[in-house]
């Protein structure tokens, strides 16, 4: 049998103009895809920005609501404080008015009192002084009593000052024994206390003044007694030492020391040299 020969259609070649158009459309289609991707990214970014703006707007709205509430609270407090201030000022003004009235009344009373006092002084100046009146005599007696009391108390104080051993030793021209000085001091203290007890008093102040003077004299006498006891102890010790020296040394006719001589004769000047 005869073989069938299939005919393969020959490959037809495209015209050159069509090839150039297709090659030009290939990069254009890639650029469009890139533009679409970029636009899609921009849209996503814009959506995110819109969401962020809406969220920020909601936050600002909430904050504005909170600020409004706080502002209202502050305005209420300011209004309350303003009302309290007005009430305080009103009360202060009322009290100031009352005080002004009281001050005015007191000034009027003071002026009246000054006028009355001036009138009384003028009336007293017009009255002649009568030394024989009971009031004048009482004032004179009171003045004399105060002068006599002051003079007597001063004399007692001066007498007590002269009872010290130093004052008595300076008054004596020759050396005097310490025992004699203590005896003289005690006698003068007793005399001053007797004079103080004989002073007349009328008020509590006079009594207290005399009590101080008497206590001063008693303290001086106590000091003299303490001094006498102390010196007596010294004299006994000195006498014992002198006897021991005289008996133990075996030297007849030895000359005693200055302190031993003072202890034996009780001379104040020899004792403290």
Protein backbone atom coordinates (compact mmCIF):
# COMPACT_ATOMS: atom_id res chain seq x y z
CA UNK A 1 0.00 0.00 0.00
CA UNK A 2 1.02 3.37 -0.52
CA UNK A 3 2.49 5.12 2.47
CA UNK A 4 0.71 8.17 3.83
CA UNK A 5 2.93 10.99 4.17
CA UNK A 6 1.75 13.56 6.59
CA UNK A 7 2.57 16.97 5.84
CA UNK A 8 3.80 19.04 8.62
CA UNK A 9 2.91 22.57 8.12
CA UNK A 10 5.89 24.65 7.74
CA UNK A 11 6.77 27.10 10.48
CA UNK A 12 5.74 30.35 9.41
CA UNK A 13 7.95 33.27 10.52
CA UNK A 14 6.41 36.32 12.23
CA UNK A 15 6.91 39.62 10.79
CA UNK A 16 9.63 41.76 12.37
CA UNK A 17 7.20 44.49 13.46
CA UNK A 18 5.15 42.13 15.62
CA UNK A 19 8.25 40.75 17.33
CA UNK A 20 9.36 44.21 18.33
CA UNK A 21 5.92 45.04 19.84
CA UNK A 22 5.86 41.90 21.96
CA UNK A 23 9.41 42.47 23.18
CA UNK A 24 8.44 46.01 24.20
CA UNK A 25 5.30 44.90 26.08
CA UNK A 26 7.24 42.40 28.28
CA UNK A 27 9.09 45.02 30.46
CA UNK A 28 5.95 47.17 30.57
CA UNK A 29 4.01 44.38 32.20
CA UNK A 30 6.79 43.95 34.86
CA UNK A 31 6.70 47.65 35.70
CA UNK A 32 2.93 47.55 36.18
CA UNK A 33 3.28 44.71 38.66
CA UNK A 34 5.91 46.68 40.57
CA UNK A 35 3.66 49.73 40.62
CA UNK A 36 0.81 47.63 41.93
CA UNK A 37 2.95 46.26 44.74
CA UNK A 38 4.14 49.73 45.68
CA UNK A 39 0.56 51.04 45.64
CA UNK A 40 -0.53 48.11 47.79
CA UNK A 41 2.23 48.90 50.35
CA UNK A 42 1.24 52.55 50.35
CA UNK A 43 -2.39 51.61 50.90
CA UNK A 44 -1.43 49.33 53.83
CA UNK A 45 0.72 52.10 55.32
CA UNK A 46 -2.06 54.63 54.89
CA UNK A 47 -4.53 52.29 56.56
CA UNK A 48 -2.15 51.88 59.53
CA UNK A 49 -1.76 55.65 59.75
CA UNK A 50 -5.53 56.07 59.64
CA UNK A 51 -5.92 53.51 62.44
CA UNK A 52 -3.26 55.22 64.53
CA UNK A 53 -4.90 58.59 63.97
CA UNK A 54 -8.28 57.23 64.98
CA UNK A 55 -6.76 55.62 68.12
CA UNK A 56 -5.00 58.88 69.03
CA UNK A 57 -8.23 60.80 68.46
CA UNK A 58 -10.06 58.44 70.81
CA UNK A 59 -7.33 58.85 73.45
CA UNK A 60 -7.48 62.62 73.10
CA UNK A 61 -11.24 62.52 73.43
CA UNK A 62 -10.97 60.46 76.62
CA UNK A 63 -8.25 62.78 77.97
CA UNK A 64 -10.34 65.81 77.12
CA UNK A 65 -13.25 64.27 79.01
CA UNK A 66 -11.00 63.65 82.08
CA UNK A 67 -9.56 67.16 81.85
CA UNK A 68 -13.04 68.59 81.63
CA UNK A 69 -14.06 66.73 84.79
CA UNK A 70 -10.91 67.89 86.60
CA UNK A 71 -11.51 71.42 85.39
CA UNK A 72 -15.07 71.31 86.68
CA UNK A 73 -13.82 70.04 90.07
CA UNK A 74 -11.24 72.81 90.26
CA UNK A 75 -13.81 75.41 89.32
CA UNK A 76 -16.11 74.12 92.08
CA UNK A 77 -13.28 74.31 94.63
CA UNK A 78 -12.36 77.82 93.48
CA UNK A 79 -15.96 78.88 93.80
CA UNK A 80 -16.21 77.38 97.30
CA UNK A 81 -13.00 79.10 98.40
CA UNK A 82 -14.21 82.38 96.96
CA UNK A 83 -17.46 82.07 98.92
CA UNK A 84 -15.53 81.28 102.11
CA UNK A 85 -13.29 84.28 101.48
CA UNK A 86 -16.28 86.55 101.02
CA UNK A 87 -17.84 85.23 104.24
CA UNK A 88 -14.58 85.75 106.16
CA UNK A 89 -14.20 89.27 104.82
CA UNK A 90 -17.78 90.05 105.75
CA UNK A 91 -17.27 88.74 109.30
CA UNK A 92 -14.00 90.68 109.65
CA UNK A 93 -15.68 93.86 108.48
CA UNK A 94 -18.48 93.33 110.99
CA UNK A 95 -16.02 92.72 113.82
CA UNK A 96 -13.99 95.73 112.72
CA UNK A 97 -17.08 97.86 112.94
CA UNK A 98 -17.82 96.60 116.45
CA UNK A 99 -14.24 97.22 117.53
CA UNK A 100 -14.36 100.72 116.10
CA UNK A 101 -17.49 101.43 118.14
CA UNK A 102 -15.88 100.05 121.31
CA UNK A 103 -12.71 102.10 120.74
CA UNK A 104 -14.78 105.20 120.22
CA UNK A 105 -16.71 104.56 123.44
CA UNK A 106 -13.48 103.92 125.38
CA UNK A 107 -11.96 107.14 124.08
CA UNK A 108 -15.00 109.07 125.18
CA UNK A 109 -14.81 107.45 128.64
CA UNK A 110 -11.09 108.25 128.85
CA UNK A 111 -11.68 111.88 127.91
CA UNK A 112 -14.40 112.13 130.54
CA UNK A 113 -12.13 110.56 133.16
CA UNK A 114 -9.27 112.91 132.27
CA UNK A 115 -11.58 115.89 132.47
CA UNK A 116 -12.89 114.75 135.88
CA UNK A 117 -9.36 114.11 137.15
CA UNK A 118 -8.18 117.51 135.98
CA UNK A 119 -11.11 119.15 137.69
CA UNK A 120 -10.38 117.30 140.93
CA UNK A 121 -6.72 118.31 140.79
CA UNK A 122 -7.69 121.91 140.28
CA UNK A 123 -10.02 121.71 143.26
CA UNK A 124 -7.30 120.18 145.41
CA UNK A 125 -4.84 122.86 144.40
CA UNK A 126 -7.32 125.49 145.44
CA UNK A 127 -7.57 123.95 148.92
CA UNK A 128 -4.94 125.40 151.27
CA UNK A 129 -2.60 122.98 153.02
CA UNK A 130 -3.30 122.67 156.74
CA UNK A 131 -0.39 121.10 158.70
CA UNK A 132 -2.66 120.61 161.73
CA UNK A 133 -5.12 118.42 159.86
CA UNK A 134 -5.27 114.71 160.82
CA UNK A 135 -4.09 113.62 157.39
CA UNK A 136 -1.06 115.91 157.48
CA UNK A 137 -0.15 114.78 160.98
CA UNK A 138 -0.45 111.13 160.05
CA UNK A 139 1.78 111.63 157.02
CA UNK A 140 4.37 113.47 159.15
CA UNK A 141 4.37 110.70 161.74
CA UNK A 142 4.77 108.09 159.05
CA UNK A 143 7.70 109.94 157.53
CA UNK A 144 9.41 110.32 160.91
CA UNK A 145 8.92 106.63 161.68
CA UNK A 146 10.46 105.57 158.35
CA UNK A 147 13.45 107.83 158.90
CA UNK A 148 14.02 106.55 162.45
CA UNK A 149 13.68 102.92 161.38
CA UNK A 150 16.15 103.38 158.53
CA UNK A 151 18.63 105.14 160.82
CA UNK A 152 18.40 102.42 163.51
CA UNK A 153 18.80 99.59 160.99
CA UNK A 154 21.84 101.33 159.47
CA UNK A 155 23.43 101.63 162.93
CA UNK A 156 22.91 97.93 163.59
CA UNK A 157 24.50 97.03 160.26
CA UNK A 158 27.52 99.24 160.92
CA UNK A 159 27.90 97.79 164.43
CA UNK A 160 27.91 94.25 163.02
CA UNK A 161 30.54 95.19 160.45
CA UNK A 162 32.82 96.38 163.28
CA UNK A 163 32.63 93.01 165.06
CA UNK A 164 34.97 91.23 162.62
CA UNK A 165 38.38 90.15 163.93
CA UNK A 166 40.13 92.17 161.25
CA UNK A 167 38.32 95.36 162.23
CA UNK A 168 38.98 94.79 165.94
CA UNK A 169 42.68 94.04 165.39
CA UNK A 170 43.18 97.22 163.37
CA UNK A 171 41.48 99.30 166.05
CA UNK A 172 43.89 98.10 168.75
CA UNK A 173 47.21 99.93 169.03
CA UNK A 174 49.02 96.97 170.65
CA UNK A 175 48.90 93.25 169.79
CA UNK A 176 45.87 91.53 171.29
CA UNK A 177 45.40 87.82 171.86
CA UNK A 178 43.09 85.91 169.57
CA UNK A 179 40.95 84.75 172.48
CA UNK A 180 40.51 88.35 173.61
CA UNK A 181 39.48 89.40 170.10
CA UNK A 182 36.92 86.62 169.89
CA UNK A 183 35.49 87.60 173.25
CA UNK A 184 35.27 91.28 172.23
CA UNK A 185 33.59 90.30 168.92
CA UNK A 186 30.95 88.18 170.67
CA UNK A 187 30.18 90.96 173.16
CA UNK A 188 29.71 93.53 170.40
CA UNK A 189 27.54 91.11 168.40
CA UNK A 190 25.28 90.61 171.45
CA UNK A 191 25.02 94.36 171.91
CA UNK A 192 24.08 94.87 168.24
CA UNK A 193 21.44 92.10 168.42
CA UNK A 194 19.92 93.67 171.53
CA UNK A 195 19.72 97.00 169.72
CA UNK A 196 18.08 95.34 166.71
CA UNK A 197 15.45 93.62 168.86
CA UNK A 198 14.49 96.95 170.47
CA UNK A 199 13.64 98.64 167.13
CA UNK A 200 9.92 99.30 166.62
CA UNK A 201 8.24 97.88 163.52
CA UNK A 202 4.88 98.46 161.86
CA UNK A 203 4.84 96.47 158.62
CA UNK A 204 5.97 93.11 157.34
CA UNK A 205 8.84 94.73 155.48
CA UNK A 206 10.29 96.11 158.72
CA UNK A 207 10.11 92.67 160.34
CA UNK A 208 11.92 91.02 157.45
CA UNK A 209 14.68 93.65 157.49
CA UNK A 210 15.29 93.13 161.21
CA UNK A 211 15.22 89.36 160.75
CA UNK A 212 18.00 89.60 158.17
CA UNK A 213 20.11 91.75 160.50
CA UNK A 214 19.61 89.32 163.40
CA UNK A 215 20.51 86.33 161.22
CA UNK A 216 23.68 88.17 160.18
CA UNK A 217 24.68 88.62 163.82
CA UNK A 218 24.00 84.96 164.65
CA UNK A 219 26.11 83.81 161.71
CA UNK A 220 28.99 86.02 162.82
CA UNK A 221 28.81 84.61 166.35
CA UNK A 222 28.73 81.05 165.03
CA UNK A 223 31.81 81.77 162.92
CA UNK A 224 33.60 83.08 166.00
CA UNK A 225 32.77 79.90 167.91
CA UNK A 226 34.04 77.76 165.04
CA UNK A 227 37.26 79.81 164.90
CA UNK A 228 37.78 79.51 168.64
CA UNK A 229 37.37 75.74 168.54
CA UNK A 230 39.78 75.43 165.63
CA UNK A 231 42.41 77.59 167.30
CA UNK A 232 41.99 75.70 170.58
CA UNK A 233 42.85 72.49 168.74
CA UNK A 234 45.91 74.19 167.23
CA UNK A 235 47.01 75.52 170.63
CA UNK A 236 46.79 72.04 172.20
CA UNK A 237 48.89 70.52 169.42
CA UNK A 238 51.48 73.29 169.68
CA UNK A 239 51.69 72.89 173.47
CA UNK A 240 52.19 69.15 173.04
CA UNK A 241 54.97 69.71 170.52
CA UNK A 242 56.64 72.27 172.79
CA UNK A 243 56.58 69.87 175.74
CA UNK A 244 58.00 67.07 173.62
CA UNK A 245 60.83 69.26 172.36
CA UNK A 246 61.62 70.54 175.86
CA UNK A 247 61.66 67.05 177.36
CA UNK A 248 63.33 65.15 174.52
CA UNK A 249 66.05 67.54 173.41
CA UNK A 250 67.73 67.74 176.82
CA UNK A 251 68.92 71.23 176.07
CA UNK A 252 68.14 73.55 178.93
CA UNK A 253 67.28 77.13 178.22
CA UNK A 254 66.59 76.55 174.51
CA UNK A 255 64.92 79.47 172.77
CA UNK A 256 61.32 78.65 171.65
CA UNK A 257 60.30 79.28 168.07
CA UNK A 258 58.06 82.12 166.95
CA UNK A 259 55.04 79.84 166.42
CA UNK A 260 55.54 78.23 169.84
CA UNK A 261 55.70 81.62 171.49
CA UNK A 262 52.50 82.66 169.67
CA UNK A 263 50.76 79.48 170.77
CA UNK A 264 51.73 80.06 174.39
CA UNK A 265 50.76 83.72 174.72
CA UNK A 266 47.85 83.64 172.19
CA UNK A 267 49.05 86.71 170.26
CA UNK A 268 47.16 87.21 166.97
CA UNK A 269 50.03 88.97 165.26
CA UNK A 270 52.56 86.34 166.30
CA UNK A 271 50.26 83.52 165.19
CA UNK A 272 49.78 84.64 161.59
CA UNK A 273 53.29 86.00 160.89
